[in-house]
């Protein structure tokens, strides 16, 4: 092979290399897709339905789905359910930020906030979460709406009616804002003032 042919081959290879490089620079890269373990798994949604994912891309599910993945699992304790709800509400308040992140109202108002009806349109749970009933209330493992009592923004108590599904009876389960669980004789009376021993 003479020198001219060698130079011609090198020139052709150089032109091909430059062409490939230019094509790669001009081709847009697809954005990174976060896995379900991403720490930024927050769904912001203006409507009540989840936004469908574009083909080939994953969409982050609302963050509290992971917290409540085992909600109402018969293999776990009912206390675990109330702890998970409290953890969901704590995380929601941290992510929404600002003053008054959670409504100090009825079960339905708190549930609506978790479904994205809040000032930041932060969706913590999908509408079909097992934590909700058909009326949009947050329910315990027996299907009864949970009772929320807020003494202040930082002091939210959660009460389940228990297996008899009747509130203010001896089988209720009450999670205090400080994490204590009350059952039986330790339960607060219906007025939420004083203790069962104070009434005797």
C-alpha atoms as a PDB file:
ATOM      1  CA  UNK A   1       0.000   0.000   0.000  1.00  0.00           C
ATOM      2  CA  UNK A   2       1.443   3.326  -0.968  1.00  0.00           C
ATOM      3  CA  UNK A   3       1.542   6.375   1.209  1.00  0.00           C
ATOM      4  CA  UNK A   4      -1.285   8.133  -0.647  1.00  0.00           C
ATOM      5  CA  UNK A   5      -3.736   5.313   0.004  1.00  0.00           C
ATOM      6  CA  UNK A   6      -2.789   5.226   3.695  1.00  0.00           C
ATOM      7  CA  UNK A   7      -3.421   8.977   4.009  1.00  0.00           C
ATOM      8  CA  UNK A   8      -6.761   8.584   2.196  1.00  0.00           C
ATOM      9  CA  UNK A   9      -7.876   5.867   4.664  1.00  0.00           C
ATOM     10  CA  UNK A  10      -6.874   7.998   7.627  1.00  0.00           C
ATOM     11  CA  UNK A  11      -8.760  10.993   6.188  1.00  0.00           C
ATOM     12  CA  UNK A  12     -11.924   8.888   5.651  1.00  0.00           C
ATOM     13  CA  UNK A  13     -11.725   7.545   9.218  1.00  0.00           C
ATOM     14  CA  UNK A  14     -11.254  11.068  10.594  1.00  0.00           C
ATOM     15  CA  UNK A  15     -14.292  12.341   8.663  1.00  0.00           C
ATOM     16  CA  UNK A  16     -16.402   9.417   9.952  1.00  0.00           C
ATOM     17  CA  UNK A  17     -15.280  10.055  13.531  1.00  0.00           C
ATOM     18  CA  UNK A  18     -16.172  13.751  13.289  1.00  0.00           C
ATOM     19  CA  UNK A  19     -19.581  12.908  11.752  1.00  0.00           C
ATOM     20  CA  UNK A  20     -20.416  10.405  14.525  1.00  0.00           C
ATOM     21  CA  UNK A  21     -19.346  12.891  17.203  1.00  0.00           C
ATOM     22  CA  UNK A  22     -21.513  15.640  15.707  1.00  0.00           C
ATOM     23  CA  UNK A  23     -24.523  13.316  15.506  1.00  0.00           C
ATOM     24  CA  UNK A  24     -24.153  12.315  19.142  1.00  0.00           C
ATOM     25  CA  UNK A  25     -23.925  15.942  20.246  1.00  0.00           C
ATOM     26  CA  UNK A  26     -27.040  16.926  18.300  1.00  0.00           C
ATOM     27  CA  UNK A  27     -29.194  13.974  19.434  1.00  0.00           C
ATOM     28  CA  UNK A  28     -31.165  14.950  22.593  1.00  0.00           C
ATOM     29  CA  UNK A  29     -30.705  12.636  25.498  1.00  0.00           C
ATOM     30  CA  UNK A  30     -33.711  11.338  27.344  1.00  0.00           C
ATOM     31  CA  UNK A  31     -34.050  12.651  30.910  1.00  0.00           C
ATOM     32  CA  UNK A  32     -33.081  10.448  33.796  1.00  0.00           C
ATOM     33  CA  UNK A  33     -35.835   8.225  35.160  1.00  0.00           C
ATOM     34  CA  UNK A  34     -35.941   7.990  38.931  1.00  0.00           C
ATOM     35  CA  UNK A  35     -36.463   4.629  40.518  1.00  0.00           C
ATOM     36  CA  UNK A  36     -39.101   4.014  43.160  1.00  0.00           C
ATOM     37  CA  UNK A  37     -36.378   4.309  45.779  1.00  0.00           C
ATOM     38  CA  UNK A  38     -35.634   7.900  44.796  1.00  0.00           C
ATOM     39  CA  UNK A  39     -35.716  10.349  47.660  1.00  0.00           C
ATOM     40  CA  UNK A  40     -37.583  12.805  45.423  1.00  0.00           C
ATOM     41  CA  UNK A  41     -40.643  10.599  45.039  1.00  0.00           C
ATOM     42  CA  UNK A  42     -43.236  13.357  45.338  1.00  0.00           C
ATOM     43  CA  UNK A  43     -46.170  13.587  42.946  1.00  0.00           C
ATOM     44  CA  UNK A  44     -47.556  17.055  42.373  1.00  0.00           C
ATOM     45  CA  UNK A  45     -50.887  16.858  40.659  1.00  0.00           C
ATOM     46  CA  UNK A  46     -53.544  19.445  39.921  1.00  0.00           C
ATOM     47  CA  UNK A  47     -56.326  16.909  39.330  1.00  0.00           C
ATOM     48  CA  UNK A  48     -57.660  13.991  41.290  1.00  0.00           C
ATOM     49  CA  UNK A  49     -56.331  11.337  38.897  1.00  0.00           C
ATOM     50  CA  UNK A  50     -52.694  10.374  38.511  1.00  0.00           C
ATOM     51  CA  UNK A  51     -50.968  11.752  35.427  1.00  0.00           C
ATOM     52  CA  UNK A  52     -50.361   8.906  32.945  1.00  0.00           C
ATOM     53  CA  UNK A  53     -46.731   8.170  32.267  1.00  0.00           C
ATOM     54  CA  UNK A  54     -45.250   8.741  28.814  1.00  0.00           C
ATOM     55  CA  UNK A  55     -44.259   5.514  27.022  1.00  0.00           C
ATOM     56  CA  UNK A  56     -40.965   4.130  28.259  1.00  0.00           C
ATOM     57  CA  UNK A  57     -40.820   6.352  31.345  1.00  0.00           C
ATOM     58  CA  UNK A  58     -41.720   5.570  34.935  1.00  0.00           C
ATOM     59  CA  UNK A  59     -43.768   7.932  37.088  1.00  0.00           C
ATOM     60  CA  UNK A  60     -43.112   8.370  40.766  1.00  0.00           C
ATOM     61  CA  UNK A  61     -45.932   7.179  42.969  1.00  0.00           C
ATOM     62  CA  UNK A  62     -47.043   9.330  45.890  1.00  0.00           C
ATOM     63  CA  UNK A  63     -44.487   9.133  48.721  1.00  0.00           C
ATOM     64  CA  UNK A  64     -46.820   7.790  51.410  1.00  0.00           C
ATOM     65  CA  UNK A  65     -47.596   4.648  49.424  1.00  0.00           C
ATOM     66  CA  UNK A  66     -44.265   3.300  50.660  1.00  0.00           C
ATOM     67  CA  UNK A  67     -45.025   4.276  54.252  1.00  0.00           C
ATOM     68  CA  UNK A  68     -48.443   2.609  54.095  1.00  0.00           C
ATOM     69  CA  UNK A  69     -47.377  -0.374  51.971  1.00  0.00           C
ATOM     70  CA  UNK A  70     -48.313  -2.779  54.799  1.00  0.00           C
ATOM     71  CA  UNK A  71     -51.273  -0.799  56.138  1.00  0.00           C
ATOM     72  CA  UNK A  72     -53.999  -3.023  57.639  1.00  0.00           C
ATOM     73  CA  UNK A  73     -51.889  -6.143  57.078  1.00  0.00           C
ATOM     74  CA  UNK A  74     -53.297  -8.847  59.404  1.00  0.00           C
ATOM     75  CA  UNK A  75     -49.731 -10.019  60.094  1.00  0.00           C
ATOM     76  CA  UNK A  76     -49.001  -6.681  61.786  1.00  0.00           C
ATOM     77  CA  UNK A  77     -50.415  -5.040  64.902  1.00  0.00           C
ATOM     78  CA  UNK A  78     -53.191  -2.408  64.749  1.00  0.00           C
ATOM     79  CA  UNK A  79     -50.764  -0.085  66.587  1.00  0.00           C
ATOM     80  CA  UNK A  80     -48.481  -0.274  63.542  1.00  0.00           C
ATOM     81  CA  UNK A  81     -51.284   1.130  61.386  1.00  0.00           C
ATOM     82  CA  UNK A  82     -51.699   4.184  63.605  1.00  0.00           C
ATOM     83  CA  UNK A  83     -47.925   4.698  63.706  1.00  0.00           C
ATOM     84  CA  UNK A  84     -47.822   4.597  59.909  1.00  0.00           C
ATOM     85  CA  UNK A  85     -50.654   7.133  59.599  1.00  0.00           C
ATOM     86  CA  UNK A  86     -48.873   9.429  62.077  1.00  0.00           C
ATOM     87  CA  UNK A  87     -45.622   9.048  60.123  1.00  0.00           C
ATOM     88  CA  UNK A  88     -47.455   9.872  56.884  1.00  0.00           C
ATOM     89  CA  UNK A  89     -48.902  13.042  58.404  1.00  0.00           C
ATOM     90  CA  UNK A  90     -45.510  14.070  59.835  1.00  0.00           C
ATOM     91  CA  UNK A  91     -43.791  13.608  56.467  1.00  0.00           C
ATOM     92  CA  UNK A  92     -46.594  15.420  54.664  1.00  0.00           C
ATOM     93  CA  UNK A  93     -46.235  18.416  56.982  1.00  0.00           C
ATOM     94  CA  UNK A  94     -42.457  18.479  56.458  1.00  0.00           C
ATOM     95  CA  UNK A  95     -42.721  18.298  52.668  1.00  0.00           C
ATOM     96  CA  UNK A  96     -45.518  20.854  52.311  1.00  0.00           C
ATOM     97  CA  UNK A  97     -43.702  23.289  54.598  1.00  0.00           C
ATOM     98  CA  UNK A  98     -44.947  26.674  55.663  1.00  0.00           C
ATOM     99  CA  UNK A  99     -47.505  27.429  58.318  1.00  0.00           C
ATOM    100  CA  UNK A 100     -50.555  25.225  58.778  1.00  0.00           C
ATOM    101  CA  UNK A 101     -49.572  22.367  56.452  1.00  0.00           C
ATOM    102  CA  UNK A 102     -52.399  20.116  57.712  1.00  0.00           C
ATOM    103  CA  UNK A 103     -55.990  21.189  58.248  1.00  0.00           C
ATOM    104  CA  UNK A 104     -57.021  21.004  61.890  1.00  0.00           C
ATOM    105  CA  UNK A 105     -60.377  19.592  60.973  1.00  0.00           C
ATOM    106  CA  UNK A 106     -62.336  16.451  60.358  1.00  0.00           C
ATOM    107  CA  UNK A 107     -61.073  13.190  58.928  1.00  0.00           C
ATOM    108  CA  UNK A 108     -62.393  14.110  55.461  1.00  0.00           C
ATOM    109  CA  UNK A 109     -60.377  17.348  55.372  1.00  0.00           C
ATOM    110  CA  UNK A 110     -57.139  15.598  56.333  1.00  0.00           C
ATOM    111  CA  UNK A 111     -57.830  12.846  53.781  1.00  0.00           C
ATOM    112  CA  UNK A 112     -58.468  15.405  51.043  1.00  0.00           C
ATOM    113  CA  UNK A 113     -55.179  17.161  51.855  1.00  0.00           C
ATOM    114  CA  UNK A 114     -53.319  13.845  51.530  1.00  0.00           C
ATOM    115  CA  UNK A 115     -54.955  13.282  48.135  1.00  0.00           C
ATOM    116  CA  UNK A 116     -53.529  16.545  46.779  1.00  0.00           C
ATOM    117  CA  UNK A 117     -56.184  19.066  47.775  1.00  0.00           C
ATOM    118  CA  UNK A 118     -53.741  21.395  49.510  1.00  0.00           C
ATOM    119  CA  UNK A 119     -52.021  24.662  48.657  1.00  0.00           C
ATOM    120  CA  UNK A 120     -48.967  22.918  47.200  1.00  0.00           C
ATOM    121  CA  UNK A 121     -50.982  20.243  45.354  1.00  0.00           C
ATOM    122  CA  UNK A 122     -48.718  17.698  47.026  1.00  0.00           C
ATOM    123  CA  UNK A 123     -50.218  14.234  46.656  1.00  0.00           C
ATOM    124  CA  UNK A 124     -49.247  11.886  49.482  1.00  0.00           C
ATOM    125  CA  UNK A 125     -51.632   9.051  48.581  1.00  0.00           C
ATOM    126  CA  UNK A 126     -53.595   7.973  45.516  1.00  0.00           C
ATOM    127  CA  UNK A 127     -57.391   7.947  45.623  1.00  0.00           C
ATOM    128  CA  UNK A 128     -57.426   4.143  45.603  1.00  0.00           C
ATOM    129  CA  UNK A 129     -55.207   3.751  48.673  1.00  0.00           C
ATOM    130  CA  UNK A 130     -56.384   1.068  51.097  1.00  0.00           C
ATOM    131  CA  UNK A 131     -56.275   3.746  53.805  1.00  0.00           C
ATOM    132  CA  UNK A 132     -59.382   5.422  52.267  1.00  0.00           C
ATOM    133  CA  UNK A 133     -62.993   4.272  52.149  1.00  0.00           C
ATOM    134  CA  UNK A 134     -65.478   5.106  49.378  1.00  0.00           C
ATOM    135  CA  UNK A 135     -66.477   8.297  51.212  1.00  0.00           C
ATOM    136  CA  UNK A 136     -62.888   9.587  51.105  1.00  0.00           C
ATOM    137  CA  UNK A 137     -62.212   9.060  54.819  1.00  0.00           C
ATOM    138  CA  UNK A 138     -59.084   7.582  56.375  1.00  0.00           C
ATOM    139  CA  UNK A 139     -60.143   4.278  57.917  1.00  0.00           C
ATOM    140  CA  UNK A 140     -58.651   1.711  60.278  1.00  0.00           C
ATOM    141  CA  UNK A 141     -58.160  -1.969  59.415  1.00  0.00           C
ATOM    142  CA  UNK A 142     -61.782  -2.694  60.346  1.00  0.00           C
ATOM    143  CA  UNK A 143     -63.106  -0.058  57.937  1.00  0.00           C
ATOM    144  CA  UNK A 144     -64.108   2.550  60.531  1.00  0.00           C
ATOM    145  CA  UNK A 145     -63.113   6.198  60.012  1.00  0.00           C
ATOM    146  CA  UNK A 146     -60.255   7.274  62.257  1.00  0.00           C
ATOM    147  CA  UNK A 147     -60.887  10.076  64.724  1.00  0.00           C
ATOM    148  CA  UNK A 148     -58.331  12.912  64.729  1.00  0.00           C
ATOM    149  CA  UNK A 149     -58.021  15.289  67.655  1.00  0.00           C
ATOM    150  CA  UNK A 150     -55.610  18.205  67.296  1.00  0.00           C
ATOM    151  CA  UNK A 151     -54.599  20.020  70.448  1.00  0.00           C
ATOM    152  CA  UNK A 152     -52.252  22.117  68.296  1.00  0.00           C
ATOM    153  CA  UNK A 153     -50.388  21.859  64.991  1.00  0.00           C
ATOM    154  CA  UNK A 154     -47.739  19.678  66.623  1.00  0.00           C
ATOM    155  CA  UNK A 155     -50.081  17.653  68.846  1.00  0.00           C
ATOM    156  CA  UNK A 156     -52.369  15.396  66.818  1.00  0.00           C
ATOM    157  CA  UNK A 157     -53.967  12.353  68.457  1.00  0.00           C
ATOM    158  CA  UNK A 158     -55.386   9.491  66.352  1.00  0.00           C
ATOM    159  CA  UNK A 159     -58.066   7.082  67.562  1.00  0.00           C
ATOM    160  CA  UNK A 160     -59.388   3.842  66.057  1.00  0.00           C
ATOM    161  CA  UNK A 161     -62.792   2.385  67.016  1.00  0.00           C
ATOM    162  CA  UNK A 162     -61.206  -1.063  67.247  1.00  0.00           C
ATOM    163  CA  UNK A 163     -62.677  -4.402  66.190  1.00  0.00           C
ATOM    164  CA  UNK A 164     -66.174  -3.634  67.513  1.00  0.00           C
ATOM    165  CA  UNK A 165     -66.245  -0.619  65.144  1.00  0.00           C
ATOM    166  CA  UNK A 166     -67.871   1.521  67.836  1.00  0.00           C
ATOM    167  CA  UNK A 167     -65.995   4.621  68.973  1.00  0.00           C
ATOM    168  CA  UNK A 168     -65.431   5.317  72.693  1.00  0.00           C
ATOM    169  CA  UNK A 169     -65.563   1.689  73.834  1.00  0.00           C
ATOM    170  CA  UNK A 170     -62.970  -0.389  75.689  1.00  0.00           C
ATOM    171  CA  UNK A 171     -61.439  -1.960  72.600  1.00  0.00           C
ATOM    172  CA  UNK A 172     -60.531   1.389  71.004  1.00  0.00           C
ATOM    173  CA  UNK A 173     -56.905   2.144  70.248  1.00  0.00           C
ATOM    174  CA  UNK A 174     -55.656   5.685  70.814  1.00  0.00           C
ATOM    175  CA  UNK A 175     -52.276   6.998  69.627  1.00  0.00           C
ATOM    176  CA  UNK A 176     -51.191  10.104  71.492  1.00  0.00           C
ATOM    177  CA  UNK A 177     -49.211  12.837  69.746  1.00  0.00           C
ATOM    178  CA  UNK A 178     -46.101  11.788  71.690  1.00  0.00           C
ATOM    179  CA  UNK A 179     -46.299   8.206  70.358  1.00  0.00           C
ATOM    180  CA  UNK A 180     -47.880   6.546  73.414  1.00  0.00           C
ATOM    181  CA  UNK A 181     -50.582   3.972  72.696  1.00  0.00           C
ATOM    182  CA  UNK A 182     -53.600   3.807  74.997  1.00  0.00           C
ATOM    183  CA  UNK A 183     -55.938   0.809  75.283  1.00  0.00           C
ATOM    184  CA  UNK A 184     -58.517  -0.456  77.748  1.00  0.00           C
ATOM    185  CA  UNK A 185     -58.458   1.327  81.118  1.00  0.00           C
ATOM    186  CA  UNK A 186     -55.843   3.797  79.887  1.00  0.00           C
ATOM    187  CA  UNK A 187     -58.092   5.168  77.125  1.00  0.00           C
ATOM    188  CA  UNK A 188     -59.198   8.762  77.273  1.00  0.00           C
ATOM    189  CA  UNK A 189     -62.928   9.317  77.827  1.00  0.00           C
ATOM    190  CA  UNK A 190     -65.136  10.616  75.038  1.00  0.00           C
ATOM    191  CA  UNK A 191     -64.602  14.223  76.137  1.00  0.00           C
ATOM    192  CA  UNK A 192     -60.820  13.753  75.705  1.00  0.00           C
ATOM    193  CA  UNK A 193     -60.301  15.512  79.063  1.00  0.00           C
ATOM    194  CA  UNK A 194     -58.776  13.666  81.978  1.00  0.00           C
ATOM    195  CA  UNK A 195     -58.263   9.922  82.176  1.00  0.00           C
ATOM    196  CA  UNK A 196     -60.464   6.917  82.828  1.00  0.00           C
ATOM    197  CA  UNK A 197     -59.195   6.799  86.427  1.00  0.00           C
ATOM    198  CA  UNK A 198     -60.207  10.439  86.985  1.00  0.00           C
ATOM    199  CA  UNK A 199     -63.828   9.574  86.229  1.00  0.00           C
ATOM    200  CA  UNK A 200     -64.034   6.860  88.909  1.00  0.00           C
END
